[in-house]
Every structure is written in C-alpha cells, then in structure tokens.
Amino acid sequence: MEYIDIYTRDGSLAGKARVNSISPGWIDITGSDITGPDAIQQPVGRVGKPEDIVEMVMFLCSDKAGFTIGENICIDGGMTKLMIYHGEHGWNYSKGE
C-alpha cells in the first residue's frame, strides 16, 4: 500500500499509468467445489474464483476505470468485514448465526 501512495502523490506517472492494487481473499485455483463451513462462512456464500479477480483486473485496465487511482481493492467476498473465520477462537459457523 505504501508504494501506491508514493506513486500517486509523486505524480511522475501522471498521464502514463494508473497505480492501483488488488488484495484477494481466499481464491480457489483448483476448480474444486468447496462446500460446508468453508463456503457458507463467506458472506457471499462461496469461496472466490480466479474469475473474480480477473474481472477486477479487466475493469482496472479499461477506460471505465480512468478516474480510479491509488486504490487498494479488496476482493474477498466480505471476509475482511466479518474478521472471524470458522474454527478460530472457538467459533464455529452454523446457519442462523
């Protein structure tokens, strides 16, 4: 994150490049179907897929993101907001919690 701040404040890349970053959460690259607590604990109800990251990369590389500079974009299905994971600190996810 510190480097994003340096490059965006510096201005040396102004008009040449937009500097942003992506912070991915749990992304399953095996193509398996992850179910049970590992999936349902995610606020979106599933583990991430590579396509979730690719879509944001494609957006950031497009003209549609022309006004997006100096951002760290968290793509984690909402887990950062939840901040507790199944099996940690004695907490286990069960439907209805």
Protein backbone atom coordinates (compact mmCIF):
# COMPACT_ATOMS: atom_id res chain seq x y z
CA MET A 1 0.00 0.00 0.00
CA GLU A 2 2.79 2.42 0.82
CA TYR A 3 4.11 2.26 -2.75
CA ILE A 4 0.69 3.11 -4.17
CA ASP A 5 0.65 6.25 -2.03
CA ILE A 6 4.16 7.20 -3.13
CA TYR A 7 3.44 6.78 -6.84
CA THR A 8 0.09 8.53 -6.77
CA ARG A 9 1.36 11.51 -4.75
CA ASP A 10 4.61 11.74 -6.67
CA GLY A 11 2.83 12.45 -9.93
CA SER A 12 5.71 11.02 -12.00
CA LEU A 13 3.31 8.52 -13.56
CA ALA A 14 0.55 11.07 -14.16
CA GLY A 15 -0.93 10.57 -17.59
CA LYS A 16 1.22 7.46 -18.15
CA ALA A 17 -0.13 4.88 -15.72
CA ARG A 18 -2.77 4.44 -13.05
CA VAL A 19 -1.46 2.71 -9.94
CA ASN A 20 -3.93 0.51 -8.07
CA SER A 21 -3.72 -2.82 -6.28
CA ILE A 22 -5.93 -5.81 -5.58
CA SER A 23 -5.93 -7.66 -2.26
CA PRO A 24 -7.56 -11.03 -2.88
CA GLY A 25 -9.11 -13.19 -0.22
CA TRP A 26 -9.40 -16.96 -0.43
CA ILE A 27 -9.30 -17.77 -4.13
CA ASP A 28 -9.66 -21.44 -5.07
CA ILE A 29 -7.42 -22.12 -8.05
CA THR A 30 -8.04 -25.88 -8.08
CA GLY A 31 -11.53 -25.65 -9.58
CA SER A 32 -12.95 -27.83 -6.82
CA ASP A 33 -16.38 -27.29 -5.33
CA ILE A 34 -15.72 -26.08 -1.78
CA THR A 35 -18.80 -26.56 0.39
CA GLY A 36 -19.70 -26.70 4.06
CA PRO A 37 -18.49 -24.22 6.66
CA ASP A 38 -15.57 -23.08 4.50
CA ALA A 39 -18.02 -21.83 1.87
CA ILE A 40 -21.00 -20.73 3.94
CA GLN A 41 -18.90 -18.71 6.36
CA GLN A 42 -18.17 -16.37 3.45
CA PRO A 43 -20.68 -13.50 3.41
CA VAL A 44 -21.25 -14.22 -0.31
CA GLY A 45 -21.73 -17.93 0.42
CA ARG A 46 -18.78 -19.25 -1.56
CA VAL A 47 -15.01 -19.19 -1.89
CA GLY A 48 -13.58 -16.90 -4.56
CA LYS A 49 -12.69 -17.97 -8.08
CA PRO A 50 -9.88 -16.68 -10.29
CA GLU A 51 -12.55 -15.08 -12.48
CA ASP A 52 -13.49 -12.80 -9.57
CA ILE A 53 -10.01 -11.30 -9.66
CA VAL A 54 -9.78 -11.30 -13.46
CA GLU A 55 -12.97 -9.22 -13.73
CA MET A 56 -11.48 -6.51 -11.50
CA VAL A 57 -8.17 -6.56 -13.36
CA MET A 58 -10.03 -6.16 -16.66
CA PHE A 59 -12.02 -3.26 -15.20
CA LEU A 60 -8.90 -1.53 -13.86
CA CYS A 61 -7.20 -1.90 -17.24
CA SER A 62 -10.15 -0.42 -19.08
CA ASP A 63 -11.08 3.18 -19.78
CA LYS A 64 -14.02 2.71 -17.39
CA ALA A 65 -11.51 2.93 -14.51
CA GLY A 66 -9.90 6.09 -15.85
CA PHE A 67 -10.75 8.02 -12.69
CA THR A 68 -9.59 5.26 -10.31
CA ILE A 69 -6.12 5.96 -8.96
CA GLY A 70 -4.29 4.97 -5.77
CA GLU A 71 -6.82 2.39 -4.63
CA ASN A 72 -6.36 -0.96 -2.95
CA ILE A 73 -9.37 -3.05 -3.88
CA CYS A 74 -10.19 -5.89 -1.52
CA ILE A 75 -11.87 -8.83 -3.25
CA ASP A 76 -12.59 -11.31 -0.50
CA GLY A 77 -16.33 -11.93 -0.55
CA GLY A 78 -16.77 -9.74 2.52
CA MET A 79 -14.47 -11.70 4.85
CA THR A 80 -12.49 -8.60 5.80
CA LYS A 81 -15.69 -7.12 7.19
CA LEU A 82 -16.51 -10.34 9.05
CA MET A 83 -12.99 -10.71 10.52
CA ILE A 84 -13.60 -14.09 12.14
CA TYR A 85 -13.18 -17.45 10.49
CA HIS A 86 -14.76 -20.84 11.07
CA GLY A 87 -12.70 -22.82 13.58
CA GLU A 88 -10.86 -19.82 15.04
CA HIS A 89 -11.09 -18.67 18.65
CA GLY A 90 -13.63 -21.37 19.46
CA TRP A 91 -16.14 -20.02 16.97
CA ASN A 92 -17.83 -22.35 14.51
CA TYR A 93 -20.19 -21.14 11.86
CA SER A 94 -23.68 -22.55 11.95
CA LYS A 95 -26.61 -21.43 9.86
CA GLY A 96 -28.67 -18.81 11.61
CA GLU A 97 -25.79 -17.01 13.33
